[in-house]
PDB file of N, CA and C in Angstrom:
ATOM      1  N   UNK A   1      -8.009  14.809  30.028  1.00  0.00           N
ATOM      2  CA  UNK A   1      -8.941  14.636  28.938  1.00  0.00           C
ATOM      3  C   UNK A   1     -10.048  13.644  29.280  1.00  0.00           C
ATOM      4  N   UNK A   2      -9.929  12.954  30.383  1.00  0.00           N
ATOM      5  CA  UNK A   2     -10.949  11.994  30.758  1.00  0.00           C
ATOM      6  C   UNK A   2     -12.299  12.669  30.965  1.00  0.00           C
ATOM      7  N   UNK A   3     -12.292  13.933  31.368  1.00  0.00           N
ATOM      8  CA  UNK A   3     -13.539  14.666  31.607  1.00  0.00           C
ATOM      9  C   UNK A   3     -14.342  14.792  30.323  1.00  0.00           C
ATOM     10  N   UNK A   4     -13.676  14.946  29.186  1.00  0.00           N
ATOM     11  CA  UNK A   4     -14.385  15.033  27.912  1.00  0.00           C
ATOM     12  C   UNK A   4     -15.186  13.753  27.691  1.00  0.00           C
ATOM     13  N   UNK A   5     -14.574  12.624  27.938  1.00  0.00           N
ATOM     14  CA  UNK A   5     -15.279  11.341  27.812  1.00  0.00           C
ATOM     15  C   UNK A   5     -16.466  11.251  28.752  1.00  0.00           C
ATOM     16  N   UNK A   6     -16.289  11.751  29.976  1.00  0.00           N
ATOM     17  CA  UNK A   6     -17.395  11.758  30.933  1.00  0.00           C
ATOM     18  C   UNK A   6     -18.521  12.657  30.441  1.00  0.00           C
ATOM     19  N   UNK A   7     -18.173  13.792  29.841  1.00  0.00           N
ATOM     20  CA  UNK A   7     -19.191  14.696  29.307  1.00  0.00           C
ATOM     21  C   UNK A   7     -19.921  14.076  28.123  1.00  0.00           C
ATOM     22  N   UNK A   8     -19.191  13.360  27.272  1.00  0.00           N
ATOM     23  CA  UNK A   8     -19.823  12.674  26.151  1.00  0.00           C
ATOM     24  C   UNK A   8     -20.812  11.636  26.683  1.00  0.00           C
ATOM     25  N   UNK A   9     -20.403  10.895  27.703  1.00  0.00           N
ATOM     26  CA  UNK A   9     -21.296   9.894  28.299  1.00  0.00           C
ATOM     27  C   UNK A   9     -22.531  10.567  28.906  1.00  0.00           C
ATOM     28  N   UNK A  10     -22.335  11.682  29.611  1.00  0.00           N
ATOM     29  CA  UNK A  10     -23.472  12.416  30.181  1.00  0.00           C
ATOM     30  C   UNK A  10     -24.447  12.844  29.098  1.00  0.00           C
ATOM     31  N   UNK A  11     -23.906  13.381  28.024  1.00  0.00           N
ATOM     32  CA  UNK A  11     -24.737  13.847  26.919  1.00  0.00           C
ATOM     33  C   UNK A  11     -25.536  12.691  26.321  1.00  0.00           C
ATOM     34  N   UNK A  12     -24.876  11.554  26.135  1.00  0.00           N
ATOM     35  CA  UNK A  12     -25.558  10.372  25.589  1.00  0.00           C
ATOM     36  C   UNK A  12     -26.693   9.939  26.506  1.00  0.00           C
ATOM     37  N   UNK A  13     -26.435   9.929  27.807  1.00  0.00           N
ATOM     38  CA  UNK A  13     -27.459   9.498  28.766  1.00  0.00           C
ATOM     39  C   UNK A  13     -28.593  10.515  28.875  1.00  0.00           C
ATOM     40  N   UNK A  14     -28.278  11.797  28.760  1.00  0.00           N
ATOM     41  CA  UNK A  14     -29.311  12.834  28.779  1.00  0.00           C
ATOM     42  C   UNK A  14     -30.317  12.576  27.657  1.00  0.00           C
ATOM     43  N   UNK A  15     -29.793  12.136  26.515  1.00  0.00           N
ATOM     44  CA  UNK A  15     -30.649  11.880  25.363  1.00  0.00           C
ATOM     45  C   UNK A  15     -31.181  10.444  25.339  1.00  0.00           C
ATOM     46  N   UNK A  16     -30.916   9.698  26.395  1.00  0.00           N
ATOM     47  CA  UNK A  16     -31.420   8.338  26.551  1.00  0.00           C
ATOM     48  C   UNK A  16     -31.068   7.459  25.347  1.00  0.00           C
ATOM     49  N   UNK A  17     -29.804   7.514  24.956  1.00  0.00           N
ATOM     50  CA  UNK A  17     -29.328   6.715  23.831  1.00  0.00           C
ATOM     51  C   UNK A  17     -28.298   5.706  24.310  1.00  0.00           C
ATOM     52  N   UNK A  18     -28.293   4.529  23.681  1.00  0.00           N
ATOM     53  CA  UNK A  18     -27.222   3.589  23.984  1.00  0.00           C
ATOM     54  C   UNK A  18     -26.017   3.949  23.121  1.00  0.00           C
ATOM     55  N   UNK A  19     -24.903   3.285  23.344  1.00  0.00           N
ATOM     56  CA  UNK A  19     -23.676   3.642  22.626  1.00  0.00           C
ATOM     57  C   UNK A  19     -23.808   3.450  21.125  1.00  0.00           C
ATOM     58  N   UNK A  20     -24.500   2.422  20.702  1.00  0.00           N
ATOM     59  CA  UNK A  20     -24.655   2.162  19.265  1.00  0.00           C
ATOM     60  C   UNK A  20     -25.440   3.289  18.604  1.00  0.00           C
ATOM     61  N   UNK A  21     -26.542   3.702  19.228  1.00  0.00           N
ATOM     62  CA  UNK A  21     -27.375   4.777  18.672  1.00  0.00           C
ATOM     63  C   UNK A  21     -26.613   6.096  18.620  1.00  0.00           C
ATOM     64  N   UNK A  22     -25.954   6.441  19.721  1.00  0.00           N
ATOM     65  CA  UNK A  22     -25.213   7.696  19.805  1.00  0.00           C
ATOM     66  C   UNK A  22     -24.073   7.714  18.788  1.00  0.00           C
ATOM     67  N   UNK A  23     -23.328   6.603  18.731  1.00  0.00           N
ATOM     68  CA  UNK A  23     -22.194   6.513  17.807  1.00  0.00           C
ATOM     69  C   UNK A  23     -22.653   6.696  16.361  1.00  0.00           C
ATOM     70  N   UNK A  24     -23.766   6.091  16.014  1.00  0.00           N
ATOM     71  CA  UNK A  24     -24.296   6.218  14.656  1.00  0.00           C
ATOM     72  C   UNK A  24     -24.635   7.672  14.339  1.00  0.00           C
ATOM     73  N   UNK A  25     -25.237   8.371  15.304  1.00  0.00           N
ATOM     74  CA  UNK A  25     -25.623   9.766  15.097  1.00  0.00           C
ATOM     75  C   UNK A  25     -24.423  10.689  14.886  1.00  0.00           C
ATOM     76  N   UNK A  26     -23.306  10.381  15.550  1.00  0.00           N
ATOM     77  CA  UNK A  26     -22.132  11.259  15.429  1.00  0.00           C
ATOM     78  C   UNK A  26     -21.101  10.733  14.427  1.00  0.00           C
ATOM     79  N   UNK A  27     -21.373   9.581  13.831  1.00  0.00           N
ATOM     80  CA  UNK A  27     -20.515   9.076  12.763  1.00  0.00           C
ATOM     81  C   UNK A  27     -19.249   8.374  13.189  1.00  0.00           C
ATOM     82  N   UNK A  28     -19.293   7.682  14.327  1.00  0.00           N
ATOM     83  CA  UNK A  28     -18.148   6.879  14.767  1.00  0.00           C
ATOM     84  C   UNK A  28     -18.635   5.471  15.090  1.00  0.00           C
ATOM     85  N   UNK A  29     -17.710   4.565  15.263  1.00  0.00           N
ATOM     86  CA  UNK A  29     -18.084   3.210  15.651  1.00  0.00           C
ATOM     87  C   UNK A  29     -18.406   3.162  17.143  1.00  0.00           C
ATOM     88  N   UNK A  30     -19.124   2.146  17.545  1.00  0.00           N
ATOM     89  CA  UNK A  30     -19.449   1.974  18.964  1.00  0.00           C
ATOM     90  C   UNK A  30     -18.165   1.775  19.763  1.00  0.00           C
ATOM     91  N   UNK A  31     -17.198   1.081  19.197  1.00  0.00           N
ATOM     92  CA  UNK A  31     -15.922   0.861  19.872  1.00  0.00           C
ATOM     93  C   UNK A  31     -15.164   2.166  20.100  1.00  0.00           C
ATOM     94  N   UNK A  32     -15.184   3.042  19.098  1.00  0.00           N
ATOM     95  CA  UNK A  32     -14.530   4.348  19.246  1.00  0.00           C
ATOM     96  C   UNK A  32     -15.215   5.175  20.323  1.00  0.00           C
ATOM     97  N   UNK A  33     -16.548   5.145  20.321  1.00  0.00           N
ATOM     98  CA  UNK A  33     -17.292   5.874  21.348  1.00  0.00           C
ATOM     99  C   UNK A  33     -16.964   5.339  22.732  1.00  0.00           C
ATOM    100  N   UNK A  34     -16.889   4.031  22.857  1.00  0.00           N
ATOM    101  CA  UNK A  34     -16.544   3.420  24.140  1.00  0.00           C
ATOM    102  C   UNK A  34     -15.168   3.886  24.613  1.00  0.00           C
ATOM    103  N   UNK A  35     -14.210   3.938  23.691  1.00  0.00           N
ATOM    104  CA  UNK A  35     -12.862   4.400  24.035  1.00  0.00           C
ATOM    105  C   UNK A  35     -12.868   5.867  24.464  1.00  0.00           C
ATOM    106  N   UNK A  36     -13.667   6.693  23.797  1.00  0.00           N
ATOM    107  CA  UNK A  36     -13.767   8.113  24.163  1.00  0.00           C
ATOM    108  C   UNK A  36     -14.370   8.251  25.551  1.00  0.00           C
ATOM    109  N   UNK A  37     -15.484   7.547  25.784  1.00  0.00           N
ATOM    110  CA  UNK A  37     -16.165   7.657  27.078  1.00  0.00           C
ATOM    111  C   UNK A  37     -15.298   7.165  28.231  1.00  0.00           C
ATOM    112  N   UNK A  38     -14.503   6.150  27.986  1.00  0.00           N
ATOM    113  CA  UNK A  38     -13.659   5.602  29.055  1.00  0.00           C
ATOM    114  C   UNK A  38     -12.370   6.398  29.242  1.00  0.00           C
ATOM    115  N   UNK A  39     -12.093   7.335  28.351  1.00  0.00           N
ATOM    116  CA  UNK A  39     -10.883   8.140  28.454  1.00  0.00           C
ATOM    117  C   UNK A  39      -9.668   7.497  27.821  1.00  0.00           C
ATOM    118  N   UNK A  40      -9.849   6.388  27.109  1.00  0.00           N
ATOM    119  CA  UNK A  40      -8.722   5.722  26.448  1.00  0.00           C
ATOM    120  C   UNK A  40      -8.181   6.532  25.286  1.00  0.00           C
ATOM    121  N   UNK A  41      -9.055   7.325  24.656  1.00  0.00           N
ATOM    122  CA  UNK A  41      -8.597   8.195  23.577  1.00  0.00           C
ATOM    123  C   UNK A  41      -9.433   9.469  23.582  1.00  0.00           C
ATOM    124  N   UNK A  42      -8.903  10.476  22.939  1.00  0.00           N
ATOM    125  CA  UNK A  42      -9.611  11.746  22.816  1.00  0.00           C
ATOM    126  C   UNK A  42     -10.405  11.748  21.516  1.00  0.00           C
ATOM    127  N   UNK A  43     -11.541  12.429  21.505  1.00  0.00           N
ATOM    128  CA  UNK A  43     -12.284  12.515  20.245  1.00  0.00           C
ATOM    129  C   UNK A  43     -11.536  13.387  19.245  1.00  0.00           C
ATOM    130  N   UNK A  44     -11.676  13.052  17.983  1.00  0.00           N
ATOM    131  CA  UNK A  44     -11.068  13.874  16.939  1.00  0.00           C
ATOM    132  C   UNK A  44     -11.840  15.186  16.840  1.00  0.00           C
ATOM    133  N   UNK A  45     -11.254  16.145  16.168  1.00  0.00           N
ATOM    134  CA  UNK A  45     -11.932  17.425  15.949  1.00  0.00           C
ATOM    135  C   UNK A  45     -13.239  17.184  15.205  1.00  0.00           C
ATOM    136  N   UNK A  46     -13.211  16.298  14.208  1.00  0.00           N
ATOM    137  CA  UNK A  46     -14.417  15.994  13.442  1.00  0.00           C
ATOM    138  C   UNK A  46     -15.508  15.431  14.343  1.00  0.00           C
ATOM    139  N   UNK A  47     -15.135  14.576  15.283  1.00  0.00           N
ATOM    140  CA  UNK A  47     -16.112  13.987  16.203  1.00  0.00           C
ATOM    141  C   UNK A  47     -16.682  15.046  17.133  1.00  0.00           C
ATOM    142  N   UNK A  48     -15.835  15.926  17.640  1.00  0.00           N
ATOM    143  CA  UNK A  48     -16.309  17.009  18.509  1.00  0.00           C
ATOM    144  C   UNK A  48     -17.298  17.891  17.754  1.00  0.00           C
ATOM    145  N   UNK A  49     -16.955  18.244  16.507  1.00  0.00           N
ATOM    146  CA  UNK A  49     -17.845  19.076  15.691  1.00  0.00           C
ATOM    147  C   UNK A  49     -19.161  18.345  15.435  1.00  0.00           C
ATOM    148  N   UNK A  50     -19.097  17.062  15.188  1.00  0.00           N
ATOM    149  CA  UNK A  50     -20.303  16.270  14.953  1.00  0.00           C
ATOM    150  C   UNK A  50     -21.196  16.234  16.194  1.00  0.00           C
ATOM    151  N   UNK A  51     -20.601  16.043  17.359  1.00  0.00           N
ATOM    152  CA  UNK A  51     -21.373  16.046  18.613  1.00  0.00           C
ATOM    153  C   UNK A  51     -22.015  17.414  18.813  1.00  0.00           C
ATOM    154  N   UNK A  52     -21.225  18.454  18.617  1.00  0.00           N
ATOM    155  CA  UNK A  52     -21.704  19.824  18.784  1.00  0.00           C
ATOM    156  C   UNK A  52     -22.876  20.116  17.854  1.00  0.00           C
ATOM    157  N   UNK A  53     -22.739  19.781  16.583  1.00  0.00           N
ATOM    158  CA  UNK A  53     -23.797  20.113  15.624  1.00  0.00           C
ATOM    159  C   UNK A  53     -25.017  19.206  15.758  1.00  0.00           C
ATOM    160  N   UNK A  54     -24.811  17.947  16.102  1.00  0.00           N
ATOM    161  CA  UNK A  54     -25.933  17.017  16.236  1.00  0.00           C
ATOM    162  C   UNK A  54     -26.774  17.314  17.470  1.00  0.00           C
ATOM    163  N   UNK A  55     -26.113  17.625  18.581  1.00  0.00           N
ATOM    164  CA  UNK A  55     -26.826  17.800  19.846  1.00  0.00           C
ATOM    165  C   UNK A  55     -26.907  19.251  20.308  1.00  0.00           C
ATOM    166  N   UNK A  56     -26.336  20.165  19.522  1.00  0.00           N
ATOM    167  CA  UNK A  56     -26.395  21.599  19.819  1.00  0.00           C
ATOM    168  C   UNK A  56     -25.984  21.892  21.269  1.00  0.00           C
ATOM    169  N   UNK A  57     -24.935  21.225  21.708  1.00  0.00           N
ATOM    170  CA  UNK A  57     -24.440  21.439  23.064  1.00  0.00           C
ATOM    171  C   UNK A  57     -23.357  22.506  23.053  1.00  0.00           C
ATOM    172  N   UNK A  58     -23.062  23.034  24.196  1.00  0.00           N
ATOM    173  CA  UNK A  58     -22.020  24.043  24.332  1.00  0.00           C
ATOM    174  C   UNK A  58     -20.649  23.381  24.194  1.00  0.00           C
ATOM    175  N   UNK A  59     -19.813  23.929  23.312  1.00  0.00           N
ATOM    176  CA  UNK A  59     -18.450  23.413  23.195  1.00  0.00           C
ATOM    177  C   UNK A  59     -17.684  23.622  24.487  1.00  0.00           C
ATOM    178  N   UNK A  60     -17.939  24.747  25.142  1.00  0.00           N
ATOM    179  CA  UNK A  60     -17.290  25.008  26.415  1.00  0.00           C
ATOM    180  C   UNK A  60     -17.634  23.908  27.416  1.00  0.00           C
ATOM    181  N   UNK A  61     -18.897  23.551  27.482  1.00  0.00           N
ATOM    182  CA  UNK A  61     -19.321  22.481  28.401  1.00  0.00           C
ATOM    183  C   UNK A  61     -18.684  21.158  28.022  1.00  0.00           C
ATOM    184  N   UNK A  62     -18.703  20.845  26.735  1.00  0.00           N
ATOM    185  CA  UNK A  62     -18.191  19.558  26.265  1.00  0.00           C
ATOM    186  C   UNK A  62     -16.697  19.402  26.503  1.00  0.00           C
ATOM    187  N   UNK A  63     -15.932  20.463  26.259  1.00  0.00           N
ATOM    188  CA  UNK A  63     -14.475  20.368  26.295  1.00  0.00           C
ATOM    189  C   UNK A  63     -13.831  20.880  27.569  1.00  0.00           C
ATOM    190  N   UNK A  64     -14.546  21.681  28.331  1.00  0.00           N
ATOM    191  CA  UNK A  64     -13.948  22.312  29.503  1.00  0.00           C
ATOM    192  C   UNK A  64     -13.763  21.299  30.622  1.00  0.00           C
ATOM    193  N   UNK A  65     -12.552  21.231  31.124  1.00  0.00           N
ATOM    194  CA  UNK A  65     -12.255  20.262  32.170  1.00  0.00           C
ATOM    195  C   UNK A  65     -12.094  20.914  33.532  1.00  0.00           C
ATOM    196  N   UNK A  66     -11.423  22.042  33.590  1.00  0.00           N
ATOM    197  CA  UNK A  66     -11.085  22.647  34.882  1.00  0.00           C
ATOM    198  C   UNK A  66     -12.217  23.479  35.462  1.00  0.00           C
ATOM    199  N   UNK A  67     -12.726  24.443  34.711  1.00  0.00           N
ATOM    200  CA  UNK A  67     -13.728  25.345  35.272  1.00  0.00           C
ATOM    201  C   UNK A  67     -15.041  24.640  35.534  1.00  0.00           C
ATOM    202  N   UNK A  68     -15.327  23.575  34.774  1.00  0.00           N
ATOM    203  CA  UNK A  68     -16.567  22.842  35.009  1.00  0.00           C
ATOM    204  C   UNK A  68     -16.567  22.215  36.401  1.00  0.00           C
ATOM    205  N   UNK A  69     -15.473  21.616  36.786  1.00  0.00           N
ATOM    206  CA  UNK A  69     -15.398  21.003  38.107  1.00  0.00           C
ATOM    207  C   UNK A  69     -15.581  22.043  39.201  1.00  0.00           C
ATOM    208  N   UNK A  70     -14.993  23.233  39.025  1.00  0.00           N
ATOM    209  CA  UNK A  70     -15.093  24.275  40.036  1.00  0.00           C
ATOM    210  C   UNK A  70     -16.498  24.845  40.138  1.00  0.00           C
ATOM    211  N   UNK A  71     -17.212  24.915  39.018  1.00  0.00           N
ATOM    212  CA  UNK A  71     -18.513  25.585  39.025  1.00  0.00           C
ATOM    213  C   UNK A  71     -19.689  24.623  39.043  1.00  0.00           C
ATOM    214  N   UNK A  72     -19.433  23.333  39.184  1.00  0.00           N
ATOM    215  CA  UNK A  72     -20.496  22.349  39.119  1.00  0.00           C
ATOM    216  C   UNK A  72     -21.610  22.614  40.114  1.00  0.00           C
ATOM    217  N   UNK A  73     -21.294  23.029  41.316  1.00  0.00           N
ATOM    218  CA  UNK A  73     -22.299  23.226  42.344  1.00  0.00           C
ATOM    219  C   UNK A  73     -22.683  24.684  42.545  1.00  0.00           C
ATOM    220  N   UNK A  74     -22.245  25.568  41.652  1.00  0.00           N
ATOM    221  CA  UNK A  74     -22.558  26.986  41.774  1.00  0.00           C
ATOM    222  C   UNK A  74     -23.470  27.408  40.639  1.00  0.00           C
ATOM    223  N   UNK A  75     -24.348  28.340  40.932  1.00  0.00           N
ATOM    224  CA  UNK A  75     -25.150  28.954  39.894  1.00  0.00           C
ATOM    225  C   UNK A  75     -24.578  30.334  39.674  1.00  0.00           C
ATOM    226  N   UNK A  76     -24.191  30.619  38.447  1.00  0.00           N
ATOM    227  CA  UNK A  76     -23.623  31.923  38.138  1.00  0.00           C
ATOM    228  C   UNK A  76     -24.313  32.490  36.913  1.00  0.00           C
ATOM    229  N   UNK A  77     -23.972  33.711  36.588  1.00  0.00           N
ATOM    230  CA  UNK A  77     -24.557  34.354  35.422  1.00  0.00           C
ATOM    231  C   UNK A  77     -23.884  33.913  34.130  1.00  0.00           C
ATOM    232  N   UNK A  78     -22.820  33.128  34.236  1.00  0.00           N
ATOM    233  CA  UNK A  78     -22.143  32.667  33.032  1.00  0.00           C
ATOM    234  C   UNK A  78     -22.986  31.596  32.344  1.00  0.00           C
ATOM    235  N   UNK A  79     -22.496  31.087  31.261  1.00  0.00           N
ATOM    236  CA  UNK A  79     -23.236  30.118  30.454  1.00  0.00           C
ATOM    237  C   UNK A  79     -23.628  28.889  31.272  1.00  0.00           C
ATOM    238  N   UNK A  80     -24.883  28.474  31.098  1.00  0.00           N
ATOM    239  CA  UNK A  80     -25.382  27.279  31.775  1.00  0.00           C
ATOM    240  C   UNK A  80     -24.803  26.038  31.125  1.00  0.00           C
ATOM    241  N   UNK A  81     -24.675  24.963  31.879  1.00  0.00           N
ATOM    242  CA  UNK A  81     -24.233  23.704  31.297  1.00  0.00           C
ATOM    243  C   UNK A  81     -25.335  23.189  30.369  1.00  0.00           C
ATOM    244  N   UNK A  82     -24.979  22.248  29.542  1.00  0.00           N
ATOM    245  CA  UNK A  82     -25.946  21.677  28.606  1.00  0.00           C
ATOM    246  C   UNK A  82     -27.127  21.060  29.351  1.00  0.00           C
ATOM    247  N   UNK A  83     -26.860  20.335  30.413  1.00  0.00           N
ATOM    248  CA  UNK A  83     -27.924  19.701  31.186  1.00  0.00           C
ATOM    249  C   UNK A  83     -28.867  20.751  31.766  1.00  0.00           C
ATOM    250  N   UNK A  84     -28.317  21.834  32.283  1.00  0.00           N
ATOM    251  CA  UNK A  84     -29.149  22.905  32.829  1.00  0.00           C
ATOM    252  C   UNK A  84     -30.026  23.520  31.740  1.00  0.00           C
ATOM    253  N   UNK A  85     -29.459  23.715  30.568  1.00  0.00           N
ATOM    254  CA  UNK A  85     -30.232  24.254  29.442  1.00  0.00           C
ATOM    255  C   UNK A  85     -31.382  23.324  29.083  1.00  0.00           C
ATOM    256  N   UNK A  86     -31.105  22.029  29.030  1.00  0.00           N
ATOM    257  CA  UNK A  86     -32.134  21.047  28.697  1.00  0.00           C
ATOM    258  C   UNK A  86     -33.227  21.004  29.766  1.00  0.00           C
ATOM    259  N   UNK A  87     -32.826  21.065  31.029  1.00  0.00           N
ATOM    260  CA  UNK A  87     -33.814  21.056  32.117  1.00  0.00           C
ATOM    261  C   UNK A  87     -34.710  22.291  32.059  1.00  0.00           C
ATOM    262  N   UNK A  88     -34.127  23.441  31.835  1.00  0.00           N
ATOM    263  CA  UNK A  88     -34.915  24.671  31.750  1.00  0.00           C
ATOM    264  C   UNK A  88     -35.865  24.610  30.562  1.00  0.00           C
ATOM    265  N   UNK A  89     -35.376  24.152  29.439  1.00  0.00           N
ATOM    266  CA  UNK A  89     -36.206  24.052  28.238  1.00  0.00           C
ATOM    267  C   UNK A  89     -37.386  23.103  28.468  1.00  0.00           C
ATOM    268  N   UNK A  90     -37.104  21.934  29.040  1.00  0.00           N
ATOM    269  CA  UNK A  90     -38.179  20.967  29.312  1.00  0.00           C
ATOM    270  C   UNK A  90     -39.160  21.512  30.339  1.00  0.00           C
ATOM    271  N   UNK A  91     -38.646  22.169  31.352  1.00  0.00           N
ATOM    272  CA  UNK A  91     -39.496  22.748  32.400  1.00  0.00           C
ATOM    273  C   UNK A  91     -40.456  23.776  31.809  1.00  0.00           C
ATOM    274  N   UNK A  92     -39.962  24.612  30.921  1.00  0.00           N
ATOM    275  CA  UNK A  92     -40.790  25.656  30.312  1.00  0.00           C
ATOM    276  C   UNK A  92     -41.899  25.089  29.437  1.00  0.00           C
ATOM    277  N   UNK A  93     -41.711  23.885  28.925  1.00  0.00           N
ATOM    278  CA  UNK A  93     -42.732  23.259  28.078  1.00  0.00           C
ATOM    279  C   UNK A  93     -43.877  22.654  28.890  1.00  0.00           C
ATOM    280  N   UNK A  94     -43.681  22.496  30.193  1.00  0.00           N
ATOM    281  CA  UNK A  94     -44.725  21.938  31.059  1.00  0.00           C
ATOM    282  C   UNK A  94     -45.783  22.986  31.378  1.00  0.00           C
ATOM    283  N   UNK A  95     -47.012  22.496  31.635  1.00  0.00           N
ATOM    284  CA  UNK A  95     -48.021  23.433  32.117  1.00  0.00           C
ATOM    285  C   UNK A  95     -47.717  23.740  33.586  1.00  0.00           C
ATOM    286  N   UNK A  96     -48.391  24.751  34.142  1.00  0.00           N
ATOM    287  CA  UNK A  96     -48.039  25.222  35.484  1.00  0.00           C
ATOM    288  C   UNK A  96     -48.191  24.134  36.549  1.00  0.00           C
ATOM    289  N   UNK A  97     -49.191  23.286  36.415  1.00  0.00           N
ATOM    290  CA  UNK A  97     -49.387  22.210  37.404  1.00  0.00           C
ATOM    291  C   UNK A  97     -48.205  21.238  37.398  1.00  0.00           C
ATOM    292  N   UNK A  98     -47.743  20.864  36.211  1.00  0.00           N
ATOM    293  CA  UNK A  98     -46.602  19.953  36.114  1.00  0.00           C
ATOM    294  C   UNK A  98     -45.292  20.638  36.497  1.00  0.00           C
ATOM    295  N   UNK A  99     -45.180  21.952  36.279  1.00  0.00           N
ATOM    296  CA  UNK A  99     -43.997  22.685  36.734  1.00  0.00           C
ATOM    297  C   UNK A  99     -43.900  22.631  38.251  1.00  0.00           C
ATOM    298  N   UNK A 100     -45.031  22.820  38.924  1.00  0.00           N
ATOM    299  CA  UNK A 100     -45.045  22.770  40.392  1.00  0.00           C
ATOM    300  C   UNK A 100     -44.656  21.375  40.864  1.00  0.00           C
ATOM    301  N   UNK A 101     -45.194  20.345  40.211  1.00  0.00           N
ATOM    302  CA  UNK A 101     -44.869  18.966  40.585  1.00  0.00           C
ATOM    303  C   UNK A 101     -43.376  18.685  40.378  1.00  0.00           C
ATOM    304  N   UNK A 102     -42.824  19.140  39.247  1.00  0.00           N
ATOM    305  CA  UNK A 102     -41.393  18.946  38.973  1.00  0.00           C
ATOM    306  C   UNK A 102     -40.547  19.665  40.016  1.00  0.00           C
ATOM    307  N   UNK A 103     -40.943  20.868  40.372  1.00  0.00           N
ATOM    308  CA  UNK A 103     -40.219  21.637  41.380  1.00  0.00           C
ATOM    309  C   UNK A 103     -40.230  20.916  42.721  1.00  0.00           C
ATOM    310  N   UNK A 104     -41.366  20.351  43.095  1.00  0.00           N
ATOM    311  CA  UNK A 104     -41.467  19.602  44.360  1.00  0.00           C
ATOM    312  C   UNK A 104     -40.551  18.374  44.348  1.00  0.00           C
ATOM    313  N   UNK A 105     -40.470  17.711  43.210  1.00  0.00           N
ATOM    314  CA  UNK A 105     -39.586  16.541  43.078  1.00  0.00           C
ATOM    315  C   UNK A 105     -38.127  16.957  43.258  1.00  0.00           C
ATOM    316  N   UNK A 106     -37.740  18.067  42.633  1.00  0.00           N
ATOM    317  CA  UNK A 106     -36.360  18.558  42.769  1.00  0.00           C
ATOM    318  C   UNK A 106     -36.060  18.914  44.216  1.00  0.00           C
ATOM    319  N   UNK A 107     -37.005  19.552  44.882  1.00  0.00           N
ATOM    320  CA  UNK A 107     -36.789  19.903  46.291  1.00  0.00           C
ATOM    321  C   UNK A 107     -36.605  18.647  47.136  1.00  0.00           C
ATOM    322  N   UNK A 108     -37.392  17.601  46.881  1.00  0.00           N
ATOM    323  CA  UNK A 108     -37.243  16.340  47.627  1.00  0.00           C
ATOM    324  C   UNK A 108     -35.870  15.715  47.366  1.00  0.00           C
ATOM    325  N   UNK A 109     -35.457  15.695  46.101  1.00  0.00           N
ATOM    326  CA  UNK A 109     -34.151  15.133  45.759  1.00  0.00           C
ATOM    327  C   UNK A 109     -33.033  15.917  46.446  1.00  0.00           C
ATOM    328  N   UNK A 110     -33.149  17.241  46.459  1.00  0.00           N
ATOM    329  CA  UNK A 110     -32.151  18.087  47.093  1.00  0.00           C
ATOM    330  C   UNK A 110     -32.086  17.808  48.594  1.00  0.00           C
ATOM    331  N   UNK A 111     -33.251  17.674  49.191  1.00  0.00           N
ATOM    332  CA  UNK A 111     -33.321  17.407  50.633  1.00  0.00           C
ATOM    333  C   UNK A 111     -32.656  16.067  50.966  1.00  0.00           C
ATOM    334  N   UNK A 112     -32.879  15.054  50.120  1.00  0.00           N
ATOM    335  CA  UNK A 112     -32.269  13.735  50.358  1.00  0.00           C
ATOM    336  C   UNK A 112     -30.744  13.804  50.255  1.00  0.00           C
ATOM    337  N   UNK A 113     -30.237  14.636  49.350  1.00  0.00           N
ATOM    338  CA  UNK A 113     -28.783  14.799  49.201  1.00  0.00           C
ATOM    339  C   UNK A 113     -28.158  15.501  50.392  1.00  0.00           C
ATOM    340  N   UNK A 114     -28.899  16.393  51.012  1.00  0.00           N
ATOM    341  CA  UNK A 114     -28.382  17.168  52.149  1.00  0.00           C
ATOM    342  C   UNK A 114     -28.339  16.317  53.418  1.00  0.00           C
ATOM    343  N   UNK A 115     -29.350  15.519  53.624  1.00  0.00           N
ATOM    344  CA  UNK A 115     -29.433  14.728  54.865  1.00  0.00           C
ATOM    345  C   UNK A 115     -28.700  13.429  54.763  1.00  0.00           C
TER     346      UNK A 115
END
């Protein structure tokens, strides 16, 4: 269940929120959020539903522990992760010049990871 906490933390960071802000949005205390993110406790069903409805993320992405690890580095026709959805959405909002610049940045980052 620790992966769920890691996914909650990823989601919070994607939205550039600190724990207090994120916790307020989903209706839990900052301490409870900290415990969830660290894997000390599992989120309640109500908290999962709140995260899902507030951030419109995939429940499969949020809760899936096994298949996510296996497919993290693969691109498939199955459902995209929440981060991939957000990246595609943001990319589509850019004009063509900024899309090219973003693509070049991703290629540089990829190249640095390979070497």
